[in-house]
Amino acid sequence: MSVMPPLFGLILAGGASTRMKQDKALLDYHGRPQLHWAYDLVSECCAATFVSVRPDQRDEPTRAALPQIVDREPGIGPLAGISAALLEHPKAAWLVVACDLPFLTSETLRHLVEHRDPGRIATAYRSSHDGLPEPLCAIWEPAAREAVAAALAAGKRCPRKLLMEADAALLALPEARALDNVNTTEEFSAATSALATGAGAQAPGTADAAADARAAITLRVQYFALFREQAGRSEEVLDTTASTPADLYAELRQRHPFTLAPDQLKVAVNADFSDWNARLAHGDTVVFIPPVAGG
């Protein structure tokens, strides 16, 4: 009988927090830095827990207080941290959790651990938004090491697409908001308000304070070039409370690992170029247009 690999925890805290304009690991949702809160939450399930950091973050005081695994290939996104962990302790499985999930609960993590399938490359939740794998609250088994290395060697950096193409076990998310991440100051304000009023992961489907004031509309978003690769699809139809293309792109960057900033893009609505602050209407088709290759 094979022995199940030990489970270690990895908190991804190596992001640049460019949209938040302050370090997301240091934000306070629960009375202390979010990184420490996430570390303690994950540690309940794991034999050992580490923080994933870029080389230049090693001495930042909040991160320096915790065990670290330093990215070996910084600048390539979450796969840098996952890869470094799989190489650092190759016989361990890793419960990988992004640090910017303030609605995450012990119950959601325990459910994932209890339904772990060590015979697969990973066990992950399906997104409550689009049904695709959630790679940043997932258990990556030791067998993932080769798949991650192969992806990076091929220039692929999207952990979601890797799980879409791999032999991953996918679970229904028991708490709809548990994996909602927070990337902007507006989202931070809405999240703190929701947590203060108890409208967090324990209330599946409850909209945040800012979204409550807006009616949802249905949009079609089409993806081309880099966006198609990063989203893992050519289009999607979604219900959203976004009122402008700027709002919509910010929402989509929570769902997909889009790396381009809005100022690098153009946007078209119903086949016509549009202003980022134009009002969206029910039934609109939106396309975000990346720079021309080589331009």
C-alpha atoms as a PDB file:
ATOM      1  CA  MET A   1       0.000   0.000   0.000  1.00  0.00           C
ATOM      2  CA  SER A   2       1.439   3.359  -0.996  1.00  0.00           C
ATOM      3  CA  VAL A   3       1.921   6.042   1.630  1.00  0.00           C
ATOM      4  CA  MET A   4       0.087   9.312   1.068  1.00  0.00           C
ATOM      5  CA  PRO A   5       2.593  12.171   0.696  1.00  0.00           C
ATOM      6  CA  PRO A   6       2.630  14.604   3.618  1.00  0.00           C
ATOM      7  CA  LEU A   7       0.721  17.828   3.116  1.00  0.00           C
ATOM      8  CA  PHE A   8       2.580  21.121   3.400  1.00  0.00           C
ATOM      9  CA  GLY A   9       1.033  24.570   3.069  1.00  0.00           C
ATOM     10  CA  LEU A  10       2.158  27.378   0.763  1.00  0.00           C
ATOM     11  CA  ILE A  11       0.815  30.926   1.026  1.00  0.00           C
ATOM     12  CA  LEU A  12       1.429  32.819  -2.211  1.00  0.00           C
ATOM     13  CA  ALA A  13       2.569  36.296  -1.207  1.00  0.00           C
ATOM     14  CA  GLY A  14       4.951  37.191  -4.023  1.00  0.00           C
ATOM     15  CA  GLY A  15       2.655  39.395  -6.070  1.00  0.00           C
ATOM     16  CA  ALA A  16       3.366  43.028  -6.845  1.00  0.00           C
ATOM     17  CA  SER A  17      -0.111  44.271  -5.751  1.00  0.00           C
ATOM     18  CA  THR A  18      -0.081  46.806  -8.580  1.00  0.00           C
ATOM     19  CA  ARG A  19      -3.839  47.288  -8.730  1.00  0.00           C
ATOM     20  CA  MET A  20      -4.224  47.569  -4.959  1.00  0.00           C
ATOM     21  CA  LYS A  21      -1.350  50.096  -4.827  1.00  0.00           C
ATOM     22  CA  GLN A  22      -0.348  48.670  -1.452  1.00  0.00           C
ATOM     23  CA  ASP A  23       0.914  45.291  -0.323  1.00  0.00           C
ATOM     24  CA  LYS A  24      -2.081  42.918  -0.211  1.00  0.00           C
ATOM     25  CA  ALA A  25      -0.288  40.689   2.277  1.00  0.00           C
ATOM     26  CA  LEU A  26      -0.345  43.514   4.832  1.00  0.00           C
ATOM     27  CA  LEU A  27      -4.039  44.435   4.530  1.00  0.00           C
ATOM     28  CA  ASP A  28      -6.167  44.009   7.649  1.00  0.00           C
ATOM     29  CA  TYR A  29      -9.493  42.198   7.297  1.00  0.00           C
ATOM     30  CA  HIS A  30      -9.428  40.174  10.512  1.00  0.00           C
ATOM     31  CA  GLY A  31      -7.496  42.299  13.012  1.00  0.00           C
ATOM     32  CA  ARG A  32      -3.982  41.427  11.784  1.00  0.00           C
ATOM     33  CA  PRO A  33      -2.031  41.295   8.508  1.00  0.00           C
ATOM     34  CA  GLN A  34      -3.812  39.149   5.952  1.00  0.00           C
ATOM     35  CA  LEU A  35      -0.656  37.091   5.366  1.00  0.00           C
ATOM     36  CA  HIS A  36      -0.485  36.014   9.021  1.00  0.00           C
ATOM     37  CA  TRP A  37      -4.229  35.269   9.071  1.00  0.00           C
ATOM     38  CA  ALA A  38      -3.942  33.086   5.938  1.00  0.00           C
ATOM     39  CA  TYR A  39      -0.813  31.381   7.294  1.00  0.00           C
ATOM     40  CA  ASP A  40      -2.573  30.363  10.514  1.00  0.00           C
ATOM     41  CA  LEU A  41      -5.665  29.198   8.614  1.00  0.00           C
ATOM     42  CA  VAL A  42      -3.656  26.935   6.301  1.00  0.00           C
ATOM     43  CA  SER A  43      -1.456  25.703   9.142  1.00  0.00           C
ATOM     44  CA  GLU A  44      -4.522  24.050  10.717  1.00  0.00           C
ATOM     45  CA  CYS A  45      -4.472  21.532   7.838  1.00  0.00           C
ATOM     46  CA  CYS A  46      -0.760  21.047   7.178  1.00  0.00           C
ATOM     47  CA  ALA A  47       2.316  19.457   8.715  1.00  0.00           C
ATOM     48  CA  ALA A  48       4.350  22.556   7.845  1.00  0.00           C
ATOM     49  CA  THR A  49       3.509  25.857   6.176  1.00  0.00           C
ATOM     50  CA  PHE A  50       5.646  28.318   4.211  1.00  0.00           C
ATOM     51  CA  VAL A  51       5.263  31.692   2.568  1.00  0.00           C
ATOM     52  CA  SER A  52       6.145  32.058  -1.116  1.00  0.00           C
ATOM     53  CA  VAL A  53       8.149  35.248  -1.705  1.00  0.00           C
ATOM     54  CA  ARG A  54      10.203  36.939  -4.393  1.00  0.00           C
ATOM     55  CA  PRO A  55      13.931  37.324  -3.613  1.00  0.00           C
ATOM     56  CA  ASP A  56      13.497  41.050  -2.948  1.00  0.00           C
ATOM     57  CA  GLN A  57      10.722  40.383  -0.373  1.00  0.00           C
ATOM     58  CA  ARG A  58      12.701  38.130   1.949  1.00  0.00           C
ATOM     59  CA  ASP A  59      13.470  40.862   4.480  1.00  0.00           C
ATOM     60  CA  GLU A  60      10.041  42.515   4.492  1.00  0.00           C
ATOM     61  CA  PRO A  61       9.132  42.288   8.213  1.00  0.00           C
ATOM     62  CA  THR A  62       5.740  40.576   7.893  1.00  0.00           C
ATOM     63  CA  ARG A  63       7.133  37.914   5.559  1.00  0.00           C
ATOM     64  CA  ALA A  64      10.442  37.600   7.428  1.00  0.00           C
ATOM     65  CA  ALA A  65       8.559  36.480  10.547  1.00  0.00           C
ATOM     66  CA  LEU A  66       7.396  33.301   8.778  1.00  0.00           C
ATOM     67  CA  PRO A  67       9.138  30.329   7.091  1.00  0.00           C
ATOM     68  CA  GLN A  68       9.784  31.141   3.448  1.00  0.00           C
ATOM     69  CA  ILE A  69      10.291  29.524   0.074  1.00  0.00           C
ATOM     70  CA  VAL A  70      11.903  31.941  -2.361  1.00  0.00           C
ATOM     71  CA  ASP A  71      10.935  32.019  -6.027  1.00  0.00           C
ATOM     72  CA  ARG A  72      13.617  30.554  -8.274  1.00  0.00           C
ATOM     73  CA  GLU A  73      12.101  32.186 -11.357  1.00  0.00           C
ATOM     74  CA  PRO A  74      10.612  35.478 -10.133  1.00  0.00           C
ATOM     75  CA  GLY A  75       8.406  37.517 -12.388  1.00  0.00           C
ATOM     76  CA  ILE A  76       6.366  34.688 -13.919  1.00  0.00           C
ATOM     77  CA  GLY A  77       3.391  34.725 -11.573  1.00  0.00           C
ATOM     78  CA  PRO A  78       2.024  32.078  -9.178  1.00  0.00           C
ATOM     79  CA  LEU A  79       3.699  29.167 -10.975  1.00  0.00           C
ATOM     80  CA  ALA A  80       7.033  30.512  -9.735  1.00  0.00           C
ATOM     81  CA  GLY A  81       5.989  29.874  -6.146  1.00  0.00           C
ATOM     82  CA  ILE A  82       4.384  26.520  -6.879  1.00  0.00           C
ATOM     83  CA  SER A  83       7.425  25.358  -8.823  1.00  0.00           C
ATOM     84  CA  ALA A  84       9.844  26.461  -6.100  1.00  0.00           C
ATOM     85  CA  ALA A  85       7.847  24.604  -3.429  1.00  0.00           C
ATOM     86  CA  LEU A  86       7.675  21.381  -5.452  1.00  0.00           C
ATOM     87  CA  LEU A  87      11.445  21.542  -5.935  1.00  0.00           C
ATOM     88  CA  GLU A  88      12.217  22.475  -2.319  1.00  0.00           C
ATOM     89  CA  HIS A  89      10.317  19.537  -0.834  1.00  0.00           C
ATOM     90  CA  PRO A  90       9.734  17.096  -3.721  1.00  0.00           C
ATOM     91  CA  LYS A  91       8.130  14.355  -1.611  1.00  0.00           C
ATOM     92  CA  ALA A  92       5.426  16.643  -0.191  1.00  0.00           C
ATOM     93  CA  ALA A  93       2.058  17.636  -1.568  1.00  0.00           C
ATOM     94  CA  TRP A  94       1.251  21.325  -1.309  1.00  0.00           C
ATOM     95  CA  LEU A  95      -1.933  23.054  -0.209  1.00  0.00           C
ATOM     96  CA  VAL A  96      -1.419  26.224  -2.227  1.00  0.00           C
ATOM     97  CA  VAL A  97      -3.460  29.257  -1.175  1.00  0.00           C
ATOM     98  CA  ALA A  98      -3.287  32.837  -2.436  1.00  0.00           C
ATOM     99  CA  CYS A  99      -2.921  35.361   0.373  1.00  0.00           C
ATOM    100  CA  ASP A 100      -5.689  37.629  -0.980  1.00  0.00           C
ATOM    101  CA  LEU A 101      -8.701  35.437  -0.088  1.00  0.00           C
ATOM    102  CA  PRO A 102     -10.288  37.146   2.939  1.00  0.00           C
ATOM    103  CA  PHE A 103     -13.503  35.070   2.725  1.00  0.00           C
ATOM    104  CA  LEU A 104     -11.698  31.721   2.902  1.00  0.00           C
ATOM    105  CA  THR A 105     -12.751  29.508   5.821  1.00  0.00           C
ATOM    106  CA  SER A 106     -11.419  26.514   7.709  1.00  0.00           C
ATOM    107  CA  GLU A 107     -14.446  24.551   6.496  1.00  0.00           C
ATOM    108  CA  THR A 108     -13.563  25.164   2.840  1.00  0.00           C
ATOM    109  CA  LEU A 109      -9.974  24.055   3.403  1.00  0.00           C
ATOM    110  CA  ARG A 110     -10.966  20.979   5.392  1.00  0.00           C
ATOM    111  CA  HIS A 111     -13.405  19.938   2.677  1.00  0.00           C
ATOM    112  CA  LEU A 112     -10.616  20.165   0.116  1.00  0.00           C
ATOM    113  CA  VAL A 113      -8.229  18.118   2.268  1.00  0.00           C
ATOM    114  CA  GLU A 114     -10.857  15.487   3.089  1.00  0.00           C
ATOM    115  CA  HIS A 115     -11.598  14.983  -0.622  1.00  0.00           C
ATOM    116  CA  ARG A 116      -7.991  15.044  -1.765  1.00  0.00           C
ATOM    117  CA  ASP A 117      -7.148  12.521  -4.476  1.00  0.00           C
ATOM    118  CA  PRO A 118      -3.397  11.761  -4.241  1.00  0.00           C
ATOM    119  CA  GLY A 119      -3.632   9.706  -7.422  1.00  0.00           C
ATOM    120  CA  ARG A 120      -4.247  12.863  -9.461  1.00  0.00           C
ATOM    121  CA  ILE A 121      -1.838  15.666 -10.239  1.00  0.00           C
ATOM    122  CA  ALA A 122      -3.925  18.015  -8.087  1.00  0.00           C
ATOM    123  CA  THR A 123      -7.235  18.428  -6.286  1.00  0.00           C
ATOM    124  CA  ALA A 124      -8.924  21.783  -6.811  1.00  0.00           C
ATOM    125  CA  TYR A 125     -12.272  23.509  -6.572  1.00  0.00           C
ATOM    126  CA  ARG A 126     -14.354  24.546  -9.537  1.00  0.00           C
ATOM    127  CA  SER A 127     -14.858  28.310  -9.631  1.00  0.00           C
ATOM    128  CA  SER A 128     -18.308  29.424  -8.509  1.00  0.00           C
ATOM    129  CA  HIS A 129     -18.115  32.029 -11.299  1.00  0.00           C
ATOM    130  CA  ASP A 130     -17.228  29.992 -14.381  1.00  0.00           C
ATOM    131  CA  GLY A 131     -16.733  26.367 -13.337  1.00  0.00           C
ATOM    132  CA  LEU A 132     -13.027  26.354 -14.208  1.00  0.00           C
ATOM    133  CA  PRO A 133     -10.330  25.050 -11.821  1.00  0.00           C
ATOM    134  CA  GLU A 134      -9.233  27.303  -8.962  1.00  0.00           C
ATOM    135  CA  PRO A 135      -5.455  26.662  -8.893  1.00  0.00           C
ATOM    136  CA  LEU A 136      -4.710  29.035  -6.015  1.00  0.00           C
ATOM    137  CA  CYS A 137      -6.702  27.129  -3.442  1.00  0.00           C
ATOM    138  CA  ALA A 138      -5.707  23.618  -4.439  1.00  0.00           C
ATOM    139  CA  ILE A 139      -3.616  20.651  -3.400  1.00  0.00           C
ATOM    140  CA  TRP A 140      -0.729  20.047  -5.806  1.00  0.00           C
ATOM    141  CA  GLU A 141       0.677  16.525  -5.500  1.00  0.00           C
ATOM    142  CA  PRO A 142       4.396  15.662  -5.949  1.00  0.00           C
ATOM    143  CA  ALA A 143       3.539  14.356  -9.429  1.00  0.00           C
ATOM    144  CA  ALA A 144       2.761  17.947 -10.443  1.00  0.00           C
ATOM    145  CA  ARG A 145       6.470  18.803 -10.385  1.00  0.00           C
ATOM    146  CA  GLU A 146       7.159  17.443 -13.865  1.00  0.00           C
ATOM    147  CA  ALA A 147       4.013  19.001 -15.344  1.00  0.00           C
ATOM    148  CA  VAL A 148       4.868  22.410 -13.888  1.00  0.00           C
ATOM    149  CA  ALA A 149       8.467  22.176 -15.111  1.00  0.00           C
ATOM    150  CA  ALA A 150       7.280  21.216 -18.599  1.00  0.00           C
ATOM    151  CA  ALA A 151       4.815  24.108 -18.696  1.00  0.00           C
ATOM    152  CA  LEU A 152       7.462  26.630 -17.668  1.00  0.00           C
ATOM    153  CA  ALA A 153       9.928  25.214 -20.194  1.00  0.00           C
ATOM    154  CA  ALA A 154       7.294  25.735 -22.890  1.00  0.00           C
ATOM    155  CA  GLY A 155       6.770  29.344 -21.810  1.00  0.00           C
ATOM    156  CA  LYS A 156       3.380  28.651 -20.217  1.00  0.00           C
ATOM    157  CA  ARG A 157       2.634  30.489 -16.992  1.00  0.00           C
ATOM    158  CA  CYS A 158      -1.072  29.954 -16.337  1.00  0.00           C
ATOM    159  CA  PRO A 159      -1.713  27.501 -13.468  1.00  0.00           C
ATOM    160  CA  ARG A 160      -5.425  27.386 -14.278  1.00  0.00           C
ATOM    161  CA  LYS A 161      -4.794  26.262 -17.841  1.00  0.00           C
ATOM    162  CA  LEU A 162      -2.299  23.698 -16.569  1.00  0.00           C
ATOM    163  CA  LEU A 163      -4.987  22.143 -14.363  1.00  0.00           C
ATOM    164  CA  MET A 164      -7.512  22.312 -17.184  1.00  0.00           C
ATOM    165  CA  GLU A 165      -5.189  20.217 -19.340  1.00  0.00           C
ATOM    166  CA  ALA A 166      -3.955  17.885 -16.562  1.00  0.00           C
ATOM    167  CA  ASP A 167      -5.457  14.985 -14.668  1.00  0.00           C
ATOM    168  CA  ALA A 168      -6.844  17.072 -11.804  1.00  0.00           C
ATOM    169  CA  ALA A 169      -9.690  16.159  -9.459  1.00  0.00           C
ATOM    170  CA  LEU A 170     -12.239  18.978  -9.346  1.00  0.00           C
ATOM    171  CA  LEU A 171     -14.677  19.584  -6.492  1.00  0.00           C
ATOM    172  CA  ALA A 172     -17.765  21.741  -6.133  1.00  0.00           C
ATOM    173  CA  LEU A 173     -17.048  24.787  -3.988  1.00  0.00           C
ATOM    174  CA  PRO A 174     -19.116  24.475  -0.790  1.00  0.00           C
ATOM    175  CA  GLU A 175     -19.070  28.214  -0.011  1.00  0.00           C
ATOM    176  CA  ALA A 176     -19.687  30.389  -3.050  1.00  0.00           C
ATOM    177  CA  ARG A 177     -17.669  33.427  -1.946  1.00  0.00           C
ATOM    178  CA  ALA A 178     -14.833  31.576  -0.234  1.00  0.00           C
ATOM    179  CA  LEU A 179     -12.379  32.076  -3.100  1.00  0.00           C
ATOM    180  CA  ASP A 180     -13.319  35.644  -4.062  1.00  0.00           C
ATOM    181  CA  ASN A 181     -10.068  37.583  -4.125  1.00  0.00           C
ATOM    182  CA  VAL A 182      -9.562  41.301  -3.611  1.00  0.00           C
ATOM    183  CA  ASN A 183      -7.389  43.310  -5.995  1.00  0.00           C
ATOM    184  CA  THR A 184      -8.377  46.987  -5.817  1.00  0.00           C
ATOM    185  CA  THR A 185      -8.990  49.586  -3.132  1.00  0.00           C
ATOM    186  CA  GLU A 186     -12.693  49.596  -4.038  1.00  0.00           C
ATOM    187  CA  GLU A 187     -12.892  45.824  -3.649  1.00  0.00           C
ATOM    188  CA  PHE A 188     -11.009  46.069  -0.349  1.00  0.00           C
ATOM    189  CA  SER A 189     -13.552  48.542   0.987  1.00  0.00           C
ATOM    190  CA  ALA A 190     -16.462  46.365  -0.149  1.00  0.00           C
ATOM    191  CA  ALA A 191     -14.863  43.230   1.309  1.00  0.00           C
ATOM    192  CA  THR A 192     -14.215  44.764   4.712  1.00  0.00           C
ATOM    193  CA  SER A 193     -17.811  45.985   4.793  1.00  0.00           C
ATOM    194  CA  ALA A 194     -19.102  42.532   3.837  1.00  0.00           C
ATOM    195  CA  LEU A 195     -16.970  40.830   6.488  1.00  0.00           C
ATOM    196  CA  ALA A 196     -18.041  43.349   9.125  1.00  0.00           C
ATOM    197  CA  THR A 197     -21.710  42.616   8.423  1.00  0.00           C
ATOM    198  CA  GLY A 198     -21.215  38.863   8.176  1.00  0.00           C
ATOM    199  CA  ALA A 199     -21.847  38.724   4.410  1.00  0.00           C
ATOM    200  CA  GLY A 200     -18.803  36.562   3.748  1.00  0.00           C
ATOM    201  CA  ALA A 201     -18.287  32.990   2.619  1.00  0.00           C
ATOM    202  CA  GLN A 202     -20.887  31.715   5.088  1.00  0.00           C
ATOM    203  CA  ALA A 203     -23.547  33.419   2.978  1.00  0.00           C
ATOM    204  CA  PRO A 204     -23.146  31.844  -0.477  1.00  0.00           C
ATOM    205  CA  GLY A 205     -24.341  34.024  -3.309  1.00  0.00           C
ATOM    206  CA  THR A 206     -24.532  37.181  -1.179  1.00  0.00           C
ATOM    207  CA  ALA A 207     -23.269  40.131  -3.191  1.00  0.00           C
ATOM    208  CA  ASP A 208     -20.789  42.528  -1.679  1.00  0.00           C
ATOM    209  CA  ALA A 209     -21.823  45.941  -0.456  1.00  0.00           C
ATOM    210  CA  ALA A 210     -20.863  47.743  -3.640  1.00  0.00           C
ATOM    211  CA  ALA A 211     -22.557  45.215  -5.919  1.00  0.00           C
ATOM    212  CA  ASP A 212     -25.846  45.296  -4.019  1.00  0.00           C
ATOM    213  CA  ALA A 213     -26.547  48.769  -5.369  1.00  0.00           C
ATOM    214  CA  ARG A 214     -26.316  47.672  -9.037  1.00  0.00           C
ATOM    215  CA  ALA A 215     -28.520  45.379 -11.088  1.00  0.00           C
ATOM    216  CA  ALA A 216     -26.784  42.492 -12.834  1.00  0.00           C
ATOM    217  CA  ILE A 217     -26.585  42.467 -16.624  1.00  0.00           C
ATOM    218  CA  THR A 218     -25.593  39.689 -19.013  1.00  0.00           C
ATOM    219  CA  LEU A 219     -22.589  40.299 -21.287  1.00  0.00           C
ATOM    220  CA  ARG A 220     -20.685  38.287 -23.854  1.00  0.00           C
ATOM    221  CA  VAL A 221     -16.901  38.650 -23.613  1.00  0.00           C
ATOM    222  CA  GLN A 222     -14.759  37.433 -26.504  1.00  0.00           C
ATOM    223  CA  TYR A 223     -11.077  36.581 -26.076  1.00  0.00           C
ATOM    224  CA  PHE A 224      -8.334  36.732 -28.673  1.00  0.00           C
ATOM    225  CA  ALA A 225      -4.565  36.180 -28.743  1.00  0.00           C
ATOM    226  CA  LEU A 226      -3.014  36.272 -25.245  1.00  0.00           C
ATOM    227  CA  PHE A 227      -6.390  36.593 -23.554  1.00  0.00           C
ATOM    228  CA  ARG A 228      -7.654  33.385 -25.143  1.00  0.00           C
ATOM    229  CA  GLU A 229      -4.627  31.535 -23.775  1.00  0.00           C
ATOM    230  CA  GLN A 230      -4.888  33.022 -20.293  1.00  0.00           C
ATOM    231  CA  ALA A 231      -8.670  32.543 -20.006  1.00  0.00           C
ATOM    232  CA  GLY A 232      -8.550  29.077 -21.541  1.00  0.00           C
ATOM    233  CA  ARG A 233     -11.504  29.871 -23.813  1.00  0.00           C
ATOM    234  CA  SER A 234     -12.503  32.027 -26.783  1.00  0.00           C
ATOM    235  CA  GLU A 235     -15.559  33.612 -25.167  1.00  0.00           C
ATOM    236  CA  GLU A 236     -17.876  33.485 -22.195  1.00  0.00           C
ATOM    237  CA  VAL A 237     -21.300  34.779 -21.282  1.00  0.00           C
ATOM    238  CA  LEU A 238     -21.561  36.080 -17.756  1.00  0.00           C
ATOM    239  CA  ASP A 239     -23.862  37.916 -15.409  1.00  0.00           C
ATOM    240  CA  THR A 240     -22.096  40.904 -13.905  1.00  0.00           C
ATOM    241  CA  THR A 241     -22.690  44.064 -11.931  1.00  0.00           C
ATOM    242  CA  ALA A 242     -19.910  45.844 -13.835  1.00  0.00           C
ATOM    243  CA  SER A 243     -21.228  49.093 -15.262  1.00  0.00           C
ATOM    244  CA  THR A 244     -18.242  50.047 -17.463  1.00  0.00           C
ATOM    245  CA  PRO A 245     -15.514  48.218 -19.404  1.00  0.00           C
ATOM    246  CA  ALA A 246     -13.071  49.302 -16.693  1.00  0.00           C
ATOM    247  CA  ASP A 247     -15.221  47.626 -14.020  1.00  0.00           C
ATOM    248  CA  LEU A 248     -15.626  44.537 -16.183  1.00  0.00           C
ATOM    249  CA  TYR A 249     -11.902  44.142 -16.808  1.00  0.00           C
ATOM    250  CA  ALA A 250     -11.189  44.464 -13.081  1.00  0.00           C
ATOM    251  CA  GLU A 251     -13.749  41.720 -12.424  1.00  0.00           C
ATOM    252  CA  LEU A 252     -12.322  39.459 -15.132  1.00  0.00           C
ATOM    253  CA  ARG A 253      -8.817  39.820 -13.675  1.00  0.00           C
ATOM    254  CA  GLN A 254     -10.175  38.168 -10.525  1.00  0.00           C
ATOM    255  CA  ARG A 255     -11.337  35.182 -12.568  1.00  0.00           C
ATOM    256  CA  HIS A 256      -8.465  34.818 -15.006  1.00  0.00           C
ATOM    257  CA  PRO A 257      -4.681  35.355 -14.742  1.00  0.00           C
ATOM    258  CA  PHE A 258      -4.647  38.341 -17.098  1.00  0.00           C
ATOM    259  CA  THR A 259      -1.227  40.006 -16.987  1.00  0.00           C
ATOM    260  CA  LEU A 260      -1.859  43.132 -19.076  1.00  0.00           C
ATOM    261  CA  ALA A 261      -2.781  46.420 -17.402  1.00  0.00           C
ATOM    262  CA  PRO A 262      -5.745  48.383 -18.773  1.00  0.00           C
ATOM    263  CA  ASP A 263      -3.475  51.123 -20.141  1.00  0.00           C
ATOM    264  CA  GLN A 264      -1.931  48.518 -22.457  1.00  0.00           C
ATOM    265  CA  LEU A 265      -5.286  47.656 -24.025  1.00  0.00           C
ATOM    266  CA  LYS A 266      -8.095  48.964 -26.171  1.00  0.00           C
ATOM    267  CA  VAL A 267     -11.698  47.948 -25.658  1.00  0.00           C
ATOM    268  CA  ALA A 268     -14.513  47.418 -28.153  1.00  0.00           C
ATOM    269  CA  VAL A 269     -18.217  47.155 -27.373  1.00  0.00           C
ATOM    270  CA  ASN A 270     -20.484  45.672 -30.033  1.00  0.00           C
ATOM    271  CA  ALA A 271     -17.628  45.846 -32.584  1.00  0.00           C
ATOM    272  CA  ASP A 272     -16.946  49.563 -32.035  1.00  0.00           C
ATOM    273  CA  PHE A 273     -14.030  51.000 -30.090  1.00  0.00           C
ATOM    274  CA  SER A 274     -15.253  52.298 -26.751  1.00  0.00           C
ATOM    275  CA  ASP A 275     -14.215  54.475 -23.846  1.00  0.00           C
ATOM    276  CA  TRP A 276     -13.249  52.563 -20.711  1.00  0.00           C
ATOM    277  CA  ASN A 277     -15.857  54.496 -18.722  1.00  0.00           C
ATOM    278  CA  ALA A 278     -18.742  54.046 -21.165  1.00  0.00           C
ATOM    279  CA  ARG A 279     -21.889  52.500 -19.721  1.00  0.00           C
ATOM    280  CA  LEU A 280     -22.449  48.847 -20.531  1.00  0.00           C
ATOM    281  CA  ALA A 281     -25.911  47.518 -21.343  1.00  0.00           C
ATOM    282  CA  HIS A 282     -27.539  44.115 -21.050  1.00  0.00           C
ATOM    283  CA  GLY A 283     -26.581  41.953 -24.041  1.00  0.00           C
ATOM    284  CA  ASP A 284     -23.444  43.881 -25.044  1.00  0.00           C
ATOM    285  CA  THR A 285     -20.484  42.045 -26.558  1.00  0.00           C
ATOM    286  CA  VAL A 286     -17.141  43.223 -25.178  1.00  0.00           C
ATOM    287  CA  VAL A 287     -13.649  42.594 -26.527  1.00  0.00           C
ATOM    288  CA  PHE A 288     -10.425  43.637 -24.805  1.00  0.00           C
ATOM    289  CA  ILE A 289      -7.737  44.090 -27.455  1.00  0.00           C
ATOM    290  CA  PRO A 290      -4.094  43.402 -26.508  1.00  0.00           C
ATOM    291  CA  PRO A 291      -1.134  45.117 -28.212  1.00  0.00           C
ATOM    292  CA  VAL A 292      -0.197  43.821 -31.625  1.00  0.00           C
ATOM    293  CA  ALA A 293       2.639  41.305 -31.323  1.00  0.00           C
ATOM    294  CA  GLY A 294       5.953  43.015 -31.777  1.00  0.00           C
ATOM    295  CA  GLY A 295       4.437  46.445 -31.370  1.00  0.00           C
END
